[in-house]
Protein backbone atom coordinates (compact mmCIF):
# COMPACT_ATOMS: atom_id res chain seq x y z
CA UNK A 1 0.00 0.00 0.00
CA UNK A 2 1.31 3.42 -0.87
CA UNK A 3 1.82 6.15 1.70
CA UNK A 4 -0.89 8.18 -0.02
CA UNK A 5 -3.40 5.33 0.25
CA UNK A 6 -2.55 4.80 3.92
CA UNK A 7 -2.90 8.52 4.60
CA UNK A 8 -6.30 8.57 2.88
CA UNK A 9 -7.50 5.66 5.05
CA UNK A 10 -6.33 7.28 8.27
CA UNK A 11 -8.01 10.54 7.21
CA UNK A 12 -11.35 8.70 7.19
CA UNK A 13 -11.08 7.99 10.93
CA UNK A 14 -12.47 10.32 13.57
CA UNK A 15 -9.80 12.89 14.48
CA UNK A 16 -8.89 11.49 17.92
CA UNK A 17 -8.57 7.94 16.56
CA UNK A 18 -6.44 9.14 13.65
CA UNK A 19 -4.12 11.04 16.00
CA UNK A 20 -3.66 8.04 18.27
CA UNK A 21 -3.07 5.64 15.37
CA UNK A 22 -0.46 7.95 13.86
CA UNK A 23 1.31 8.59 17.15
CA UNK A 24 1.29 4.90 18.17
CA UNK A 25 2.00 3.20 14.85
CA UNK A 26 3.79 5.77 12.71
CA UNK A 27 5.72 7.81 15.28
CA UNK A 28 6.06 4.67 17.47
CA UNK A 29 5.26 6.34 20.79
CA UNK A 30 4.14 4.15 23.65
CA UNK A 31 0.72 4.52 25.23
CA UNK A 32 1.84 6.74 28.10
CA UNK A 33 3.72 9.09 25.75
CA UNK A 34 0.66 9.41 23.50
CA UNK A 35 -1.47 10.13 26.57
CA UNK A 36 0.90 12.94 27.60
CA UNK A 37 1.02 14.41 24.08
CA UNK A 38 -2.75 14.36 23.74
CA UNK A 39 -3.51 15.32 27.33
CA UNK A 40 -5.76 12.29 27.79
CA UNK A 41 -5.70 9.38 30.23
CA UNK A 42 -3.91 6.22 29.09
CA UNK A 43 -7.17 4.27 29.20
CA UNK A 44 -8.72 6.67 26.68
CA UNK A 45 -5.68 6.35 24.41
CA UNK A 46 -5.93 2.57 24.60
CA UNK A 47 -9.61 2.63 23.58
CA UNK A 48 -9.01 5.14 20.77
CA UNK A 49 -6.12 3.06 19.42
CA UNK A 50 -8.14 -0.13 19.43
CA UNK A 51 -11.12 1.53 17.77
CA UNK A 52 -8.90 3.21 15.19
CA UNK A 53 -7.13 0.01 14.21
CA UNK A 54 -10.42 -1.90 14.03
CA UNK A 55 -11.93 0.84 11.87
CA UNK A 56 -8.94 0.68 9.54
CA UNK A 57 -9.33 -3.10 9.32
CA UNK A 58 -13.00 -2.68 8.34
CA UNK A 59 -12.10 -0.04 5.75
CA UNK A 60 -9.47 -2.32 4.23
CA UNK A 61 -11.67 -5.39 4.16
CA UNK A 62 -10.86 -9.00 5.03
CA UNK A 63 -8.63 -9.63 2.00
CA UNK A 64 -6.21 -6.86 3.00
CA UNK A 65 -5.89 -7.67 6.71
CA UNK A 66 -3.18 -10.23 7.52
CA UNK A 67 -3.38 -12.76 10.32
CA UNK A 68 -0.79 -10.75 12.26
CA UNK A 69 -3.01 -7.67 12.13
CA UNK A 70 -6.07 -9.69 13.12
CA UNK A 71 -4.14 -11.02 16.11
CA UNK A 72 -3.34 -7.50 17.27
CA UNK A 73 -7.04 -6.73 17.07
CA UNK A 74 -7.85 -9.61 19.38
CA UNK A 75 -9.58 -11.65 16.69
CA UNK A 76 -9.12 -15.37 16.30
CA UNK A 77 -6.73 -16.52 13.60
PDB file of N, CA and C in Angstrom:
ATOM      1  N   UNK A   1       0.847  -1.167   0.000  1.00  0.00           N
ATOM      2  CA  UNK A   1       0.000   0.000   0.000  1.00  0.00           C
ATOM      3  C   UNK A   1       0.897   1.236   0.000  1.00  0.00           C
ATOM      4  N   UNK A   2       0.518   2.195  -0.784  1.00  0.00           N
ATOM      5  CA  UNK A   2       1.306   3.418  -0.865  1.00  0.00           C
ATOM      6  C   UNK A   2       1.062   4.297   0.362  1.00  0.00           C
ATOM      7  N   UNK A   3       1.975   5.209   0.590  1.00  0.00           N
ATOM      8  CA  UNK A   3       1.821   6.149   1.700  1.00  0.00           C
ATOM      9  C   UNK A   3       0.575   7.004   1.510  1.00  0.00           C
ATOM     10  N   UNK A   4       0.287   7.353   0.264  1.00  0.00           N
ATOM     11  CA  UNK A   4      -0.891   8.181  -0.016  1.00  0.00           C
ATOM     12  C   UNK A   4      -2.182   7.421   0.309  1.00  0.00           C
ATOM     13  N   UNK A   5      -2.222   6.147  -0.034  1.00  0.00           N
ATOM     14  CA  UNK A   5      -3.399   5.328   0.251  1.00  0.00           C
ATOM     15  C   UNK A   5      -3.580   5.163   1.763  1.00  0.00           C
ATOM     16  N   UNK A   6      -2.480   4.936   2.469  1.00  0.00           N
ATOM     17  CA  UNK A   6      -2.550   4.803   3.922  1.00  0.00           C
ATOM     18  C   UNK A   6      -3.019   6.107   4.557  1.00  0.00           C
ATOM     19  N   UNK A   7      -2.509   7.211   4.077  1.00  0.00           N
ATOM     20  CA  UNK A   7      -2.902   8.517   4.596  1.00  0.00           C
ATOM     21  C   UNK A   7      -4.396   8.771   4.356  1.00  0.00           C
ATOM     22  N   UNK A   8      -4.880   8.393   3.193  1.00  0.00           N
ATOM     23  CA  UNK A   8      -6.297   8.574   2.880  1.00  0.00           C
ATOM     24  C   UNK A   8      -7.177   7.729   3.803  1.00  0.00           C
ATOM     25  N   UNK A   9      -6.737   6.511   4.129  1.00  0.00           N
ATOM     26  CA  UNK A   9      -7.498   5.661   5.047  1.00  0.00           C
ATOM     27  C   UNK A   9      -7.536   6.259   6.444  1.00  0.00           C
ATOM     28  N   UNK A  10      -6.389   6.700   6.933  1.00  0.00           N
ATOM     29  CA  UNK A  10      -6.325   7.285   8.272  1.00  0.00           C
ATOM     30  C   UNK A  10      -7.171   8.553   8.333  1.00  0.00           C
ATOM     31  N   UNK A  11      -7.218   9.307   7.256  1.00  0.00           N
ATOM     32  CA  UNK A  11      -8.008  10.543   7.209  1.00  0.00           C
ATOM     33  C   UNK A  11      -9.507  10.274   7.344  1.00  0.00           C
ATOM     34  N   UNK A  12      -9.927   9.057   7.077  1.00  0.00           N
ATOM     35  CA  UNK A  12     -11.349   8.698   7.194  1.00  0.00           C
ATOM     36  C   UNK A  12     -11.754   8.395   8.636  1.00  0.00           C
ATOM     37  N   UNK A  13     -10.784   8.262   9.527  1.00  0.00           N
ATOM     38  CA  UNK A  13     -11.077   7.993  10.932  1.00  0.00           C
ATOM     39  C   UNK A  13     -11.498   9.280  11.637  1.00  0.00           C
ATOM     40  N   UNK A  14     -12.237   9.150  12.739  1.00  0.00           N
ATOM     41  CA  UNK A  14     -12.472  10.325  13.573  1.00  0.00           C
ATOM     42  C   UNK A  14     -11.122  10.898  14.029  1.00  0.00           C
ATOM     43  N   UNK A  15     -11.075  12.206  14.211  1.00  0.00           N
ATOM     44  CA  UNK A  15      -9.803  12.890  14.476  1.00  0.00           C
ATOM     45  C   UNK A  15      -8.997  12.267  15.627  1.00  0.00           C
ATOM     46  N   UNK A  16      -9.618  12.023  16.764  1.00  0.00           N
ATOM     47  CA  UNK A  16      -8.888  11.487  17.916  1.00  0.00           C
ATOM     48  C   UNK A  16      -8.308  10.108  17.610  1.00  0.00           C
ATOM     49  N   UNK A  17      -9.073   9.261  16.927  1.00  0.00           N
ATOM     50  CA  UNK A  17      -8.568   7.939  16.555  1.00  0.00           C
ATOM     51  C   UNK A  17      -7.396   8.068  15.593  1.00  0.00           C
ATOM     52  N   UNK A  18      -7.519   8.944  14.621  1.00  0.00           N
ATOM     53  CA  UNK A  18      -6.439   9.136  13.653  1.00  0.00           C
ATOM     54  C   UNK A  18      -5.166   9.609  14.342  1.00  0.00           C
ATOM     55  N   UNK A  19      -5.297  10.541  15.276  1.00  0.00           N
ATOM     56  CA  UNK A  19      -4.124  11.040  16.000  1.00  0.00           C
ATOM     57  C   UNK A  19      -3.442   9.927  16.775  1.00  0.00           C
ATOM     58  N   UNK A  20      -4.234   9.124  17.473  1.00  0.00           N
ATOM     59  CA  UNK A  20      -3.658   8.038  18.268  1.00  0.00           C
ATOM     60  C   UNK A  20      -2.989   7.009  17.360  1.00  0.00           C
ATOM     61  N   UNK A  21      -3.647   6.627  16.282  1.00  0.00           N
ATOM     62  CA  UNK A  21      -3.074   5.641  15.369  1.00  0.00           C
ATOM     63  C   UNK A  21      -1.746   6.154  14.808  1.00  0.00           C
ATOM     64  N   UNK A  22      -1.702   7.395  14.400  1.00  0.00           N
ATOM     65  CA  UNK A  22      -0.458   7.945  13.858  1.00  0.00           C
ATOM     66  C   UNK A  22       0.639   8.021  14.916  1.00  0.00           C
ATOM     67  N   UNK A  23       0.294   8.488  16.098  1.00  0.00           N
ATOM     68  CA  UNK A  23       1.308   8.586  17.154  1.00  0.00           C
ATOM     69  C   UNK A  23       1.800   7.210  17.601  1.00  0.00           C
ATOM     70  N   UNK A  24       0.898   6.239  17.702  1.00  0.00           N
ATOM     71  CA  UNK A  24       1.293   4.904  18.166  1.00  0.00           C
ATOM     72  C   UNK A  24       2.025   4.108  17.092  1.00  0.00           C
ATOM     73  N   UNK A  25       1.507   4.135  15.855  1.00  0.00           N
ATOM     74  CA  UNK A  25       1.997   3.199  14.852  1.00  0.00           C
ATOM     75  C   UNK A  25       2.891   3.816  13.790  1.00  0.00           C
ATOM     76  N   UNK A  26       2.898   5.122  13.672  1.00  0.00           N
ATOM     77  CA  UNK A  26       3.792   5.769  12.714  1.00  0.00           C
ATOM     78  C   UNK A  26       4.966   6.403  13.453  1.00  0.00           C
ATOM     79  N   UNK A  27       4.664   7.162  14.494  1.00  0.00           N
ATOM     80  CA  UNK A  27       5.716   7.813  15.280  1.00  0.00           C
ATOM     81  C   UNK A  27       6.321   6.834  16.286  1.00  0.00           C
ATOM     82  N   UNK A  28       5.607   5.740  16.573  1.00  0.00           N
ATOM     83  CA  UNK A  28       6.059   4.669  17.475  1.00  0.00           C
ATOM     84  C   UNK A  28       6.205   5.126  18.931  1.00  0.00           C
ATOM     85  N   UNK A  29       5.280   5.961  19.379  1.00  0.00           N
ATOM     86  CA  UNK A  29       5.259   6.338  20.788  1.00  0.00           C
ATOM     87  C   UNK A  29       4.496   5.279  21.568  1.00  0.00           C
ATOM     88  N   UNK A  30       4.894   5.094  22.831  1.00  0.00           N
ATOM     89  CA  UNK A  30       4.135   4.147  23.652  1.00  0.00           C
ATOM     90  C   UNK A  30       2.867   4.829  24.175  1.00  0.00           C
ATOM     91  N   UNK A  31       2.019   4.036  24.786  1.00  0.00           N
ATOM     92  CA  UNK A  31       0.719   4.519  25.229  1.00  0.00           C
ATOM     93  C   UNK A  31       0.818   5.714  26.172  1.00  0.00           C
ATOM     94  N   UNK A  32       1.729   5.644  27.129  1.00  0.00           N
ATOM     95  CA  UNK A  32       1.839   6.739  28.095  1.00  0.00           C
ATOM     96  C   UNK A  32       2.343   8.025  27.439  1.00  0.00           C
ATOM     97  N   UNK A  33       3.243   7.907  26.457  1.00  0.00           N
ATOM     98  CA  UNK A  33       3.722   9.090  25.746  1.00  0.00           C
ATOM     99  C   UNK A  33       2.604   9.727  24.926  1.00  0.00           C
ATOM    100  N   UNK A  34       1.793   8.894  24.265  1.00  0.00           N
ATOM    101  CA  UNK A  34       0.660   9.415  23.497  1.00  0.00           C
ATOM    102  C   UNK A  34      -0.318  10.113  24.430  1.00  0.00           C
ATOM    103  N   UNK A  35      -0.559   9.527  25.593  1.00  0.00           N
ATOM    104  CA  UNK A  35      -1.474  10.133  26.572  1.00  0.00           C
ATOM    105  C   UNK A  35      -0.971  11.514  26.990  1.00  0.00           C
ATOM    106  N   UNK A  36       0.333  11.633  27.225  1.00  0.00           N
ATOM    107  CA  UNK A  36       0.898  12.935  27.597  1.00  0.00           C
ATOM    108  C   UNK A  36       0.769  13.940  26.465  1.00  0.00           C
ATOM    109  N   UNK A  37       1.093  13.515  25.238  1.00  0.00           N
ATOM    110  CA  UNK A  37       1.025  14.408  24.078  1.00  0.00           C
ATOM    111  C   UNK A  37      -0.405  14.903  23.864  1.00  0.00           C
ATOM    112  N   UNK A  38      -1.362  14.006  24.011  1.00  0.00           N
ATOM    113  CA  UNK A  38      -2.754  14.357  23.744  1.00  0.00           C
ATOM    114  C   UNK A  38      -3.473  14.943  24.950  1.00  0.00           C
ATOM    115  N   UNK A  39      -2.869  14.832  26.128  1.00  0.00           N
ATOM    116  CA  UNK A  39      -3.515  15.324  27.331  1.00  0.00           C
ATOM    117  C   UNK A  39      -4.726  14.507  27.729  1.00  0.00           C
ATOM    118  N   UNK A  40      -4.644  13.208  27.486  1.00  0.00           N
ATOM    119  CA  UNK A  40      -5.756  12.293  27.794  1.00  0.00           C
ATOM    120  C   UNK A  40      -5.230  11.159  28.670  1.00  0.00           C
ATOM    121  N   UNK A  41      -6.115  10.538  29.430  1.00  0.00           N
ATOM    122  CA  UNK A  41      -5.702   9.379  30.227  1.00  0.00           C
ATOM    123  C   UNK A  41      -5.274   8.210  29.327  1.00  0.00           C
ATOM    124  N   UNK A  42      -4.383   7.380  29.844  1.00  0.00           N
ATOM    125  CA  UNK A  42      -3.908   6.220  29.089  1.00  0.00           C
ATOM    126  C   UNK A  42      -5.044   5.296  28.676  1.00  0.00           C
ATOM    127  N   UNK A  43      -6.042   5.145  29.535  1.00  0.00           N
ATOM    128  CA  UNK A  43      -7.169   4.271  29.201  1.00  0.00           C
ATOM    129  C   UNK A  43      -7.916   4.779  27.971  1.00  0.00           C
ATOM    130  N   UNK A  44      -8.046   6.085  27.842  1.00  0.00           N
ATOM    131  CA  UNK A  44      -8.721   6.667  26.676  1.00  0.00           C
ATOM    132  C   UNK A  44      -7.886   6.425  25.422  1.00  0.00           C
ATOM    133  N   UNK A  45      -6.578   6.596  25.543  1.00  0.00           N
ATOM    134  CA  UNK A  45      -5.679   6.355  24.411  1.00  0.00           C
ATOM    135  C   UNK A  45      -5.777   4.905  23.970  1.00  0.00           C
ATOM    136  N   UNK A  46      -5.832   3.995  24.914  1.00  0.00           N
ATOM    137  CA  UNK A  46      -5.933   2.566  24.599  1.00  0.00           C
ATOM    138  C   UNK A  46      -7.213   2.278  23.816  1.00  0.00           C
ATOM    139  N   UNK A  47      -8.324   2.847  24.258  1.00  0.00           N
ATOM    140  CA  UNK A  47      -9.608   2.630  23.583  1.00  0.00           C
ATOM    141  C   UNK A  47      -9.581   3.254  22.185  1.00  0.00           C
ATOM    142  N   UNK A  48      -9.071   4.469  22.075  1.00  0.00           N
ATOM    143  CA  UNK A  48      -9.005   5.137  20.772  1.00  0.00           C
ATOM    144  C   UNK A  48      -8.127   4.359  19.794  1.00  0.00           C
ATOM    145  N   UNK A  49      -7.015   3.830  20.280  1.00  0.00           N
ATOM    146  CA  UNK A  49      -6.115   3.060  19.416  1.00  0.00           C
ATOM    147  C   UNK A  49      -6.805   1.795  18.921  1.00  0.00           C
ATOM    148  N   UNK A  50      -7.460   1.107  19.817  1.00  0.00           N
ATOM    149  CA  UNK A  50      -8.145  -0.132  19.432  1.00  0.00           C
ATOM    150  C   UNK A  50      -9.253   0.151  18.417  1.00  0.00           C
ATOM    151  N   UNK A  51     -10.050   1.177  18.699  1.00  0.00           N
ATOM    152  CA  UNK A  51     -11.118   1.532  17.770  1.00  0.00           C
ATOM    153  C   UNK A  51     -10.564   1.965  16.423  1.00  0.00           C
ATOM    154  N   UNK A  52      -9.489   2.746  16.441  1.00  0.00           N
ATOM    155  CA  UNK A  52      -8.899   3.215  15.192  1.00  0.00           C
ATOM    156  C   UNK A  52      -8.381   2.075  14.335  1.00  0.00           C
ATOM    157  N   UNK A  53      -7.692   1.138  14.957  1.00  0.00           N
ATOM    158  CA  UNK A  53      -7.133   0.008  14.208  1.00  0.00           C
ATOM    159  C   UNK A  53      -8.253  -0.887  13.688  1.00  0.00           C
ATOM    160  N   UNK A  54      -9.271  -1.092  14.499  1.00  0.00           N
ATOM    161  CA  UNK A  54     -10.417  -1.900  14.031  1.00  0.00           C
ATOM    162  C   UNK A  54     -11.134  -1.216  12.871  1.00  0.00           C
ATOM    163  N   UNK A  55     -11.295   0.098  12.961  1.00  0.00           N
ATOM    164  CA  UNK A  55     -11.934   0.839  11.869  1.00  0.00           C
ATOM    165  C   UNK A  55     -11.117   0.725  10.592  1.00  0.00           C
ATOM    166  N   UNK A  56      -9.801   0.826  10.718  1.00  0.00           N
ATOM    167  CA  UNK A  56      -8.942   0.677   9.537  1.00  0.00           C
ATOM    168  C   UNK A  56      -9.092  -0.723   8.946  1.00  0.00           C
ATOM    169  N   UNK A  57      -9.168  -1.723   9.802  1.00  0.00           N
ATOM    170  CA  UNK A  57      -9.331  -3.097   9.318  1.00  0.00           C
ATOM    171  C   UNK A  57     -10.643  -3.246   8.554  1.00  0.00           C
ATOM    172  N   UNK A  58     -11.711  -2.622   9.054  1.00  0.00           N
ATOM    173  CA  UNK A  58     -12.997  -2.680   8.343  1.00  0.00           C
ATOM    174  C   UNK A  58     -12.908  -1.940   7.015  1.00  0.00           C
ATOM    175  N   UNK A  59     -12.235  -0.798   6.990  1.00  0.00           N
ATOM    176  CA  UNK A  59     -12.098  -0.037   5.747  1.00  0.00           C
ATOM    177  C   UNK A  59     -11.311  -0.816   4.700  1.00  0.00           C
ATOM    178  N   UNK A  60     -10.297  -1.546   5.154  1.00  0.00           N
ATOM    179  CA  UNK A  60      -9.471  -2.324   4.231  1.00  0.00           C
ATOM    180  C   UNK A  60     -10.217  -3.536   3.704  1.00  0.00           C
ATOM    181  N   UNK A  61     -10.977  -4.175   4.555  1.00  0.00           N
ATOM    182  CA  UNK A  61     -11.668  -5.394   4.162  1.00  0.00           C
ATOM    183  C   UNK A  61     -10.859  -6.623   4.522  1.00  0.00           C
ATOM    184  N   UNK A  62     -11.506  -7.779   4.556  1.00  0.00           N
ATOM    185  CA  UNK A  62     -10.858  -9.001   5.027  1.00  0.00           C
ATOM    186  C   UNK A  62      -9.697  -9.476   4.153  1.00  0.00           C
ATOM    187  N   UNK A  63      -9.699  -9.165   2.876  1.00  0.00           N
ATOM    188  CA  UNK A  63      -8.629  -9.632   2.002  1.00  0.00           C
ATOM    189  C   UNK A  63      -7.323  -8.879   2.230  1.00  0.00           C
ATOM    190  N   UNK A  64      -7.403  -7.680   2.806  1.00  0.00           N
ATOM    191  CA  UNK A  64      -6.212  -6.859   2.998  1.00  0.00           C
ATOM    192  C   UNK A  64      -5.649  -6.917   4.405  1.00  0.00           C
ATOM    193  N   UNK A  65      -6.345  -7.596   5.327  1.00  0.00           N
ATOM    194  CA  UNK A  65      -5.891  -7.672   6.710  1.00  0.00           C
ATOM    195  C   UNK A  65      -5.211  -9.020   6.913  1.00  0.00           C
ATOM    196  N   UNK A  66      -3.940  -8.990   7.308  1.00  0.00           N
ATOM    197  CA  UNK A  66      -3.184 -10.227   7.516  1.00  0.00           C
ATOM    198  C   UNK A  66      -3.551 -10.853   8.853  1.00  0.00           C
ATOM    199  N   UNK A  67      -3.134 -12.083   9.049  1.00  0.00           N
ATOM    200  CA  UNK A  67      -3.376 -12.759  10.316  1.00  0.00           C
ATOM    201  C   UNK A  67      -2.682 -12.044  11.458  1.00  0.00           C
ATOM    202  N   UNK A  68      -1.505 -11.479  11.210  1.00  0.00           N
ATOM    203  CA  UNK A  68      -0.790 -10.749  12.265  1.00  0.00           C
ATOM    204  C   UNK A  68      -1.590  -9.548  12.714  1.00  0.00           C
ATOM    205  N   UNK A  69      -2.185  -8.828  11.777  1.00  0.00           N
ATOM    206  CA  UNK A  69      -3.012  -7.668  12.130  1.00  0.00           C
ATOM    207  C   UNK A  69      -4.245  -8.126  12.883  1.00  0.00           C
ATOM    208  N   UNK A  70      -4.886  -9.180  12.432  1.00  0.00           N
ATOM    209  CA  UNK A  70      -6.074  -9.690  13.122  1.00  0.00           C
ATOM    210  C   UNK A  70      -5.742 -10.068  14.546  1.00  0.00           C
ATOM    211  N   UNK A  71      -4.565 -10.651  14.763  1.00  0.00           N
ATOM    212  CA  UNK A  71      -4.145 -11.022  16.107  1.00  0.00           C
ATOM    213  C   UNK A  71      -3.979  -9.812  17.017  1.00  0.00           C
ATOM    214  N   UNK A  72      -3.494  -8.711  16.461  1.00  0.00           N
ATOM    215  CA  UNK A  72      -3.345  -7.500  17.269  1.00  0.00           C
ATOM    216  C   UNK A  72      -4.695  -6.894  17.584  1.00  0.00           C
ATOM    217  N   UNK A  73      -5.700  -7.225  16.814  1.00  0.00           N
ATOM    218  CA  UNK A  73      -7.043  -6.726  17.073  1.00  0.00           C
ATOM    219  C   UNK A  73      -7.816  -7.624  18.014  1.00  0.00           C
ATOM    220  N   UNK A  74      -7.188  -8.709  18.459  1.00  0.00           N
ATOM    221  CA  UNK A  74      -7.853  -9.606  19.376  1.00  0.00           C
ATOM    222  C   UNK A  74      -8.793 -10.584  18.718  1.00  0.00           C
ATOM    223  N   UNK A  75      -8.707 -10.713  17.411  1.00  0.00           N
ATOM    224  CA  UNK A  75      -9.576 -11.649  16.689  1.00  0.00           C
ATOM    225  C   UNK A  75      -8.891 -12.986  16.581  1.00  0.00           C
ATOM    226  N   UNK A  76      -9.691 -14.027  16.445  1.00  0.00           N
ATOM    227  CA  UNK A  76      -9.123 -15.372  16.301  1.00  0.00           C
ATOM    228  C   UNK A  76      -8.480 -15.498  14.925  1.00  0.00           C
ATOM    229  N   UNK A  77      -7.478 -16.328  14.861  1.00  0.00           N
ATOM    230  CA  UNK A  77      -6.734 -16.522  13.600  1.00  0.00           C
ATOM    231  C   UNK A  77      -7.267 -17.689  12.850  1.00  0.00           C
TER     232      UNK A  77
END
